Amino acid sequence: MSMFDANAKVDRQPPPLPDTNGVEYPRAASWASGNCATVLKDEKGEQGQYSSEGCQLFRCFLYESLAEENLSFVEAVDKLKKMKNSDEKKEYAKEIVQLYSPYINLSSGAMKVISASRFLKIYTNSCAWSMKKGMYR
C-alpha cells in the first residue's frame, strides 16, 4: 500500500531509526542547530546521497509530521535528473507527477506547464530551475 493512499495513513510503518552508535553529543547537536542540507549529508561512511544517518533521522521526523513524501519527492527528482534514456525519463517524470502532485505544493501554473505536450523538456527544466533556486533542498 502506498504511503499516499488515504487509507494507508492508519497502517503506515515508521521508518527505522538510524544507528546511534558512535554519534557523540556535538554531532547530534549539530543536527538540531544546522540546516537541512547539513543534516542530509551527515553520515559515517559513503553510503549514497540519501542513505546517511542524518537523512534517516530527518525521514523519521517527516514521518511523524505526516510529511515524508517531501523527501521522497526530492529523491525522485534527483533520480530523474540522473536518468539517461529519454523515454524512461519521460515515463518516470509522469509517474512523479501522478504520485506526488496531490501531496506536493505545485502551483496551478506549474501543473498547466507539466500537462503541456512538451512535458519532459519543460518538467525537467522546471525541476532543474527549482533545484538551482533551492526550492527542494
N, C-alpha and C. Protein backbone atom coordinates (compact mmCIF):
# COMPACT_ATOMS: atom_id res chain seq x y z
N MET A 1 0.85 -1.17 0.00
CA MET A 1 0.00 0.00 0.00
C MET A 1 0.89 1.24 0.00
N SER A 2 0.58 2.21 -0.80
CA SER A 2 1.36 3.43 -0.92
C SER A 2 1.15 4.32 0.30
N MET A 3 2.21 5.04 0.69
CA MET A 3 2.06 5.96 1.81
C MET A 3 1.14 7.12 1.43
N PHE A 4 0.84 7.25 0.13
CA PHE A 4 -0.01 8.34 -0.33
C PHE A 4 -1.48 7.94 -0.40
N ASP A 5 -1.78 6.69 -0.14
CA ASP A 5 -3.15 6.21 -0.11
C ASP A 5 -3.78 6.71 1.19
N ALA A 6 -4.94 7.34 1.08
CA ALA A 6 -5.60 7.91 2.27
C ALA A 6 -5.84 6.85 3.35
N ASN A 7 -6.11 5.62 2.94
CA ASN A 7 -6.35 4.55 3.91
C ASN A 7 -5.06 4.04 4.53
N ALA A 8 -3.93 4.32 3.90
CA ALA A 8 -2.65 3.81 4.38
C ALA A 8 -2.14 4.58 5.59
N LYS A 9 -2.64 5.78 5.83
CA LYS A 9 -2.15 6.60 6.94
C LYS A 9 -2.28 5.87 8.28
N VAL A 10 -3.32 5.10 8.43
CA VAL A 10 -3.54 4.36 9.67
C VAL A 10 -2.53 3.24 9.82
N ASP A 11 -2.20 2.57 8.73
CA ASP A 11 -1.35 1.39 8.77
C ASP A 11 0.11 1.66 8.39
N ARG A 12 0.50 2.92 8.27
CA ARG A 12 1.86 3.24 7.85
C ARG A 12 2.88 2.68 8.84
N GLN A 13 3.93 2.11 8.32
CA GLN A 13 5.02 1.62 9.16
C GLN A 13 6.07 2.72 9.29
N PRO A 14 6.51 3.02 10.49
CA PRO A 14 7.52 4.07 10.64
C PRO A 14 8.86 3.62 10.06
N PRO A 15 9.62 4.57 9.53
CA PRO A 15 10.96 4.21 9.05
C PRO A 15 11.84 3.85 10.23
N PRO A 16 12.83 3.00 10.03
CA PRO A 16 13.70 2.63 11.16
C PRO A 16 14.56 3.81 11.59
N LEU A 17 14.75 3.92 12.89
CA LEU A 17 15.64 4.96 13.41
C LEU A 17 17.07 4.63 13.01
N PRO A 18 17.89 5.65 12.76
CA PRO A 18 19.28 5.38 12.39
C PRO A 18 20.07 4.85 13.57
N ASP A 19 21.14 4.15 13.29
CA ASP A 19 22.04 3.63 14.31
C ASP A 19 22.71 4.80 15.01
N THR A 20 22.64 4.84 16.32
CA THR A 20 23.24 5.96 17.06
C THR A 20 24.59 5.61 17.66
N ASN A 21 25.08 4.40 17.44
CA ASN A 21 26.40 4.04 17.95
C ASN A 21 27.45 4.94 17.31
N GLY A 22 28.28 5.53 18.14
CA GLY A 22 29.34 6.39 17.64
C GLY A 22 28.90 7.82 17.38
N VAL A 23 27.64 8.14 17.65
CA VAL A 23 27.16 9.51 17.47
C VAL A 23 27.30 10.23 18.80
N GLU A 24 28.26 11.12 18.86
CA GLU A 24 28.51 11.88 20.08
C GLU A 24 27.61 13.12 20.14
N TYR A 25 27.52 13.72 21.32
CA TYR A 25 26.63 14.85 21.52
C TYR A 25 26.89 16.00 20.54
N PRO A 26 28.14 16.43 20.33
CA PRO A 26 28.34 17.57 19.41
C PRO A 26 27.78 17.31 18.00
N ARG A 27 27.92 16.08 17.55
CA ARG A 27 27.40 15.74 16.22
C ARG A 27 25.87 15.80 16.22
N ALA A 28 25.24 15.21 17.22
CA ALA A 28 23.78 15.24 17.31
C ALA A 28 23.27 16.67 17.49
N ALA A 29 23.98 17.46 18.27
CA ALA A 29 23.59 18.86 18.46
C ALA A 29 23.67 19.63 17.16
N SER A 30 24.63 19.28 16.31
CA SER A 30 24.75 19.98 15.03
C SER A 30 23.54 19.69 14.14
N TRP A 31 22.90 18.54 14.31
CA TRP A 31 21.69 18.24 13.55
C TRP A 31 20.57 19.20 13.96
N ALA A 32 20.48 19.49 15.26
CA ALA A 32 19.41 20.37 15.75
C ALA A 32 19.65 21.82 15.37
N SER A 33 20.90 22.23 15.31
CA SER A 33 21.20 23.64 15.04
C SER A 33 21.61 23.91 13.60
N GLY A 34 21.86 22.86 12.82
CA GLY A 34 22.30 23.05 11.44
C GLY A 34 21.14 23.22 10.48
N ASN A 35 21.49 23.36 9.21
CA ASN A 35 20.44 23.46 8.20
C ASN A 35 20.14 22.07 7.63
N CYS A 36 19.11 22.01 6.85
CA CYS A 36 18.64 20.73 6.31
C CYS A 36 19.70 20.05 5.46
N ALA A 37 20.41 20.82 4.63
CA ALA A 37 21.44 20.24 3.75
C ALA A 37 22.53 19.57 4.57
N THR A 38 22.92 20.16 5.68
CA THR A 38 23.95 19.59 6.54
C THR A 38 23.48 18.27 7.14
N VAL A 39 22.26 18.24 7.61
CA VAL A 39 21.70 17.02 8.20
C VAL A 39 21.64 15.91 7.16
N LEU A 40 21.17 16.23 5.95
CA LEU A 40 21.02 15.21 4.91
C LEU A 40 22.35 14.62 4.48
N LYS A 41 23.43 15.39 4.59
CA LYS A 41 24.75 14.92 4.16
C LYS A 41 25.51 14.20 5.26
N ASP A 42 25.07 14.31 6.50
CA ASP A 42 25.79 13.73 7.63
C ASP A 42 25.75 12.21 7.57
N GLU A 43 26.92 11.60 7.56
CA GLU A 43 26.98 10.14 7.53
C GLU A 43 28.32 9.66 8.05
N LYS A 44 28.35 8.40 8.48
CA LYS A 44 29.59 7.80 8.98
C LYS A 44 30.47 7.34 7.84
N GLY A 45 29.87 6.93 6.76
CA GLY A 45 30.62 6.43 5.62
C GLY A 45 29.90 6.75 4.33
N GLU A 46 30.55 6.53 3.22
CA GLU A 46 29.93 6.80 1.92
C GLU A 46 28.87 5.75 1.64
N GLN A 47 27.62 6.11 1.80
CA GLN A 47 26.52 5.17 1.59
C GLN A 47 25.57 5.66 0.52
N GLY A 48 25.81 6.81 -0.04
CA GLY A 48 24.88 7.37 -1.02
C GLY A 48 24.25 8.63 -0.48
N GLN A 49 23.73 9.43 -1.38
CA GLN A 49 23.25 10.76 -1.02
C GLN A 49 22.14 10.74 0.03
N TYR A 50 21.20 9.80 -0.07
CA TYR A 50 20.07 9.81 0.85
C TYR A 50 20.03 8.58 1.74
N SER A 51 21.19 8.06 2.11
CA SER A 51 21.20 6.91 3.00
C SER A 51 21.98 7.20 4.27
N SER A 52 22.23 8.48 4.54
CA SER A 52 23.00 8.84 5.72
C SER A 52 22.16 8.75 6.99
N GLU A 53 22.85 8.75 8.13
CA GLU A 53 22.14 8.73 9.41
C GLU A 53 21.30 9.99 9.58
N GLY A 54 21.87 11.13 9.20
CA GLY A 54 21.14 12.38 9.31
C GLY A 54 19.89 12.38 8.46
N CYS A 55 20.01 11.85 7.25
CA CYS A 55 18.86 11.78 6.35
C CYS A 55 17.80 10.85 6.92
N GLN A 56 18.22 9.72 7.47
CA GLN A 56 17.25 8.78 8.04
C GLN A 56 16.56 9.39 9.26
N LEU A 57 17.30 10.14 10.06
CA LEU A 57 16.70 10.82 11.20
C LEU A 57 15.67 11.85 10.72
N PHE A 58 16.02 12.58 9.67
CA PHE A 58 15.10 13.57 9.10
C PHE A 58 13.86 12.88 8.54
N ARG A 59 14.05 11.72 7.90
CA ARG A 59 12.91 10.96 7.37
C ARG A 59 11.97 10.55 8.53
N CYS A 60 12.54 10.16 9.67
CA CYS A 60 11.72 9.81 10.84
C CYS A 60 10.93 11.02 11.33
N PHE A 61 11.58 12.18 11.36
CA PHE A 61 10.90 13.42 11.74
C PHE A 61 9.75 13.71 10.78
N LEU A 62 10.02 13.60 9.48
CA LEU A 62 8.98 13.87 8.48
C LEU A 62 7.82 12.88 8.61
N TYR A 63 8.13 11.63 8.92
CA TYR A 63 7.09 10.62 9.13
C TYR A 63 6.16 11.06 10.25
N GLU A 64 6.74 11.50 11.35
CA GLU A 64 5.94 11.94 12.49
C GLU A 64 5.09 13.16 12.13
N SER A 65 5.57 13.96 11.19
CA SER A 65 4.86 15.17 10.75
C SER A 65 3.91 14.89 9.59
N LEU A 66 3.76 13.62 9.22
CA LEU A 66 2.96 13.22 8.06
C LEU A 66 3.43 13.94 6.80
N ALA A 67 4.75 14.06 6.63
CA ALA A 67 5.29 14.83 5.51
C ALA A 67 6.46 14.14 4.83
N GLU A 68 6.65 12.83 5.01
CA GLU A 68 7.81 12.17 4.43
C GLU A 68 7.80 12.16 2.92
N GLU A 69 6.64 12.44 2.31
CA GLU A 69 6.60 12.49 0.85
C GLU A 69 7.46 13.63 0.29
N ASN A 70 7.74 14.65 1.10
CA ASN A 70 8.60 15.74 0.64
C ASN A 70 10.00 15.23 0.32
N LEU A 71 10.58 14.45 1.21
CA LEU A 71 11.91 13.89 0.97
C LEU A 71 11.85 12.86 -0.16
N SER A 72 10.79 12.08 -0.21
CA SER A 72 10.64 11.11 -1.30
C SER A 72 10.57 11.82 -2.65
N PHE A 73 9.91 12.97 -2.69
CA PHE A 73 9.82 13.75 -3.93
C PHE A 73 11.20 14.24 -4.36
N VAL A 74 11.98 14.75 -3.43
CA VAL A 74 13.33 15.22 -3.75
C VAL A 74 14.18 14.06 -4.27
N GLU A 75 14.07 12.90 -3.63
CA GLU A 75 14.81 11.72 -4.10
C GLU A 75 14.39 11.33 -5.51
N ALA A 76 13.09 11.38 -5.79
CA ALA A 76 12.59 11.02 -7.12
C ALA A 76 13.09 12.00 -8.18
N VAL A 77 13.11 13.29 -7.86
CA VAL A 77 13.60 14.29 -8.81
C VAL A 77 15.09 14.09 -9.07
N ASP A 78 15.85 13.79 -8.02
CA ASP A 78 17.28 13.51 -8.21
C ASP A 78 17.49 12.29 -9.10
N LYS A 79 16.69 11.26 -8.89
CA LYS A 79 16.79 10.05 -9.73
C LYS A 79 16.46 10.40 -11.18
N LEU A 80 15.44 11.21 -11.38
CA LEU A 80 15.05 11.64 -12.73
C LEU A 80 16.19 12.38 -13.41
N LYS A 81 16.84 13.26 -12.68
CA LYS A 81 17.94 14.05 -13.26
C LYS A 81 19.11 13.17 -13.68
N LYS A 82 19.29 12.03 -13.03
CA LYS A 82 20.42 11.14 -13.35
C LYS A 82 20.11 10.16 -14.47
N MET A 83 18.86 10.02 -14.85
CA MET A 83 18.47 9.07 -15.89
C MET A 83 18.97 9.55 -17.25
N LYS A 84 19.39 8.61 -18.09
CA LYS A 84 19.95 8.94 -19.40
C LYS A 84 18.95 8.72 -20.54
N ASN A 85 18.18 7.65 -20.49
CA ASN A 85 17.26 7.29 -21.56
C ASN A 85 16.05 8.23 -21.53
N SER A 86 15.83 8.97 -22.63
CA SER A 86 14.77 9.98 -22.63
C SER A 86 13.37 9.37 -22.51
N ASP A 87 13.15 8.19 -23.09
CA ASP A 87 11.84 7.55 -22.97
C ASP A 87 11.57 7.13 -21.53
N GLU A 88 12.58 6.54 -20.89
CA GLU A 88 12.44 6.15 -19.48
C GLU A 88 12.25 7.39 -18.61
N LYS A 89 13.00 8.44 -18.94
CA LYS A 89 12.92 9.68 -18.18
C LYS A 89 11.51 10.28 -18.28
N LYS A 90 10.95 10.26 -19.48
CA LYS A 90 9.60 10.79 -19.69
C LYS A 90 8.58 10.01 -18.88
N GLU A 91 8.66 8.69 -18.91
CA GLU A 91 7.73 7.85 -18.16
C GLU A 91 7.88 8.07 -16.66
N TYR A 92 9.12 8.16 -16.20
CA TYR A 92 9.36 8.36 -14.77
C TYR A 92 8.85 9.74 -14.34
N ALA A 93 9.03 10.75 -15.18
CA ALA A 93 8.53 12.09 -14.87
C ALA A 93 7.01 12.07 -14.72
N LYS A 94 6.33 11.34 -15.59
CA LYS A 94 4.87 11.21 -15.48
C LYS A 94 4.49 10.54 -14.17
N GLU A 95 5.24 9.50 -13.79
CA GLU A 95 4.98 8.81 -12.53
C GLU A 95 5.14 9.76 -11.35
N ILE A 96 6.19 10.59 -11.40
CA ILE A 96 6.42 11.55 -10.32
C ILE A 96 5.23 12.48 -10.18
N VAL A 97 4.79 13.04 -11.30
CA VAL A 97 3.66 13.97 -11.25
C VAL A 97 2.40 13.28 -10.74
N GLN A 98 2.12 12.09 -11.23
CA GLN A 98 0.92 11.37 -10.79
C GLN A 98 0.98 11.04 -9.31
N LEU A 99 2.14 10.63 -8.84
CA LEU A 99 2.28 10.21 -7.45
C LEU A 99 2.32 11.38 -6.47
N TYR A 100 3.08 12.42 -6.82
CA TYR A 100 3.35 13.48 -5.84
C TYR A 100 2.51 14.74 -5.99
N SER A 101 1.91 15.00 -7.15
CA SER A 101 1.21 16.28 -7.32
C SER A 101 0.07 16.49 -6.32
N PRO A 102 -0.63 15.46 -5.86
CA PRO A 102 -1.66 15.73 -4.85
C PRO A 102 -1.07 16.11 -3.48
N TYR A 103 0.21 15.82 -3.26
CA TYR A 103 0.80 15.99 -1.93
C TYR A 103 1.86 17.07 -1.85
N ILE A 104 2.45 17.40 -2.98
CA ILE A 104 3.48 18.43 -3.03
C ILE A 104 2.84 19.68 -3.59
N ASN A 105 3.15 20.82 -3.02
CA ASN A 105 2.53 22.07 -3.44
C ASN A 105 3.08 22.52 -4.79
N LEU A 106 2.39 22.15 -5.86
CA LEU A 106 2.73 22.60 -7.20
C LEU A 106 1.67 23.62 -7.60
N SER A 107 2.10 24.78 -8.06
CA SER A 107 1.15 25.82 -8.43
C SER A 107 0.32 25.38 -9.62
N SER A 108 -0.83 26.02 -9.80
CA SER A 108 -1.68 25.69 -10.95
C SER A 108 -0.96 26.01 -12.25
N GLY A 109 -0.14 27.06 -12.25
CA GLY A 109 0.65 27.39 -13.44
C GLY A 109 1.65 26.30 -13.76
N ALA A 110 2.30 25.77 -12.73
CA ALA A 110 3.26 24.68 -12.95
C ALA A 110 2.55 23.44 -13.46
N MET A 111 1.37 23.16 -12.93
CA MET A 111 0.62 21.99 -13.40
C MET A 111 0.19 22.14 -14.85
N LYS A 112 -0.15 23.37 -15.28
CA LYS A 112 -0.50 23.60 -16.69
C LYS A 112 0.70 23.34 -17.58
N VAL A 113 1.86 23.80 -17.12
CA VAL A 113 3.08 23.59 -17.89
C VAL A 113 3.40 22.11 -17.98
N ILE A 114 3.26 21.41 -16.86
CA ILE A 114 3.55 19.98 -16.82
C ILE A 114 2.60 19.22 -17.75
N SER A 115 1.37 19.66 -17.84
CA SER A 115 0.38 19.00 -18.69
C SER A 115 0.57 19.28 -20.18
N ALA A 116 1.41 20.24 -20.52
CA ALA A 116 1.62 20.62 -21.92
C ALA A 116 2.26 19.47 -22.70
N SER A 117 2.18 19.56 -24.01
CA SER A 117 2.69 18.48 -24.87
C SER A 117 4.20 18.30 -24.77
N ARG A 118 4.92 19.34 -24.45
CA ARG A 118 6.38 19.23 -24.31
C ARG A 118 6.71 18.85 -22.87
N PHE A 119 5.99 17.92 -22.34
CA PHE A 119 6.02 17.53 -20.93
C PHE A 119 7.43 17.33 -20.37
N LEU A 120 8.22 16.46 -20.97
CA LEU A 120 9.51 16.09 -20.39
C LEU A 120 10.46 17.27 -20.35
N LYS A 121 10.63 17.95 -21.46
CA LYS A 121 11.58 19.06 -21.52
C LYS A 121 11.21 20.15 -20.52
N ILE A 122 9.97 20.53 -20.50
CA ILE A 122 9.53 21.59 -19.60
C ILE A 122 9.64 21.14 -18.15
N TYR A 123 9.19 19.92 -17.87
CA TYR A 123 9.21 19.44 -16.50
C TYR A 123 10.62 19.31 -15.96
N THR A 124 11.51 18.73 -16.75
CA THR A 124 12.88 18.56 -16.26
C THR A 124 13.57 19.90 -16.14
N ASN A 125 13.30 20.83 -17.04
CA ASN A 125 13.87 22.18 -16.91
C ASN A 125 13.33 22.87 -15.68
N SER A 126 12.03 22.69 -15.41
CA SER A 126 11.41 23.28 -14.23
C SER A 126 12.03 22.71 -12.96
N CYS A 127 12.25 21.40 -12.93
CA CYS A 127 12.87 20.76 -11.76
C CYS A 127 14.29 21.27 -11.57
N ALA A 128 15.03 21.37 -12.67
CA ALA A 128 16.41 21.86 -12.59
C ALA A 128 16.42 23.29 -12.08
N TRP A 129 15.50 24.13 -12.57
CA TRP A 129 15.42 25.52 -12.13
C TRP A 129 15.08 25.57 -10.64
N SER A 130 14.11 24.75 -10.22
CA SER A 130 13.71 24.72 -8.82
C SER A 130 14.86 24.28 -7.92
N MET A 131 15.63 23.28 -8.38
CA MET A 131 16.76 22.81 -7.59
C MET A 131 17.83 23.90 -7.49
N LYS A 132 18.09 24.63 -8.58
CA LYS A 132 19.06 25.72 -8.55
C LYS A 132 18.63 26.81 -7.59
N LYS A 133 17.33 27.08 -7.54
CA LYS A 133 16.80 28.13 -6.67
C LYS A 133 16.69 27.65 -5.22
N GLY A 134 16.97 26.38 -4.98
CA GLY A 134 16.93 25.85 -3.61
C GLY A 134 15.54 25.49 -3.12
N MET A 135 14.58 25.37 -4.02
CA MET A 135 13.21 25.09 -3.59
C MET A 135 13.05 23.69 -3.02
N TYR A 136 13.87 22.75 -3.43
CA TYR A 136 13.72 21.37 -2.98
C TYR A 136 14.96 20.91 -2.24
N ARG A 137 15.60 21.78 -1.55
CA ARG A 137 16.79 21.40 -0.76
C ARG A 137 16.46 21.38 0.68
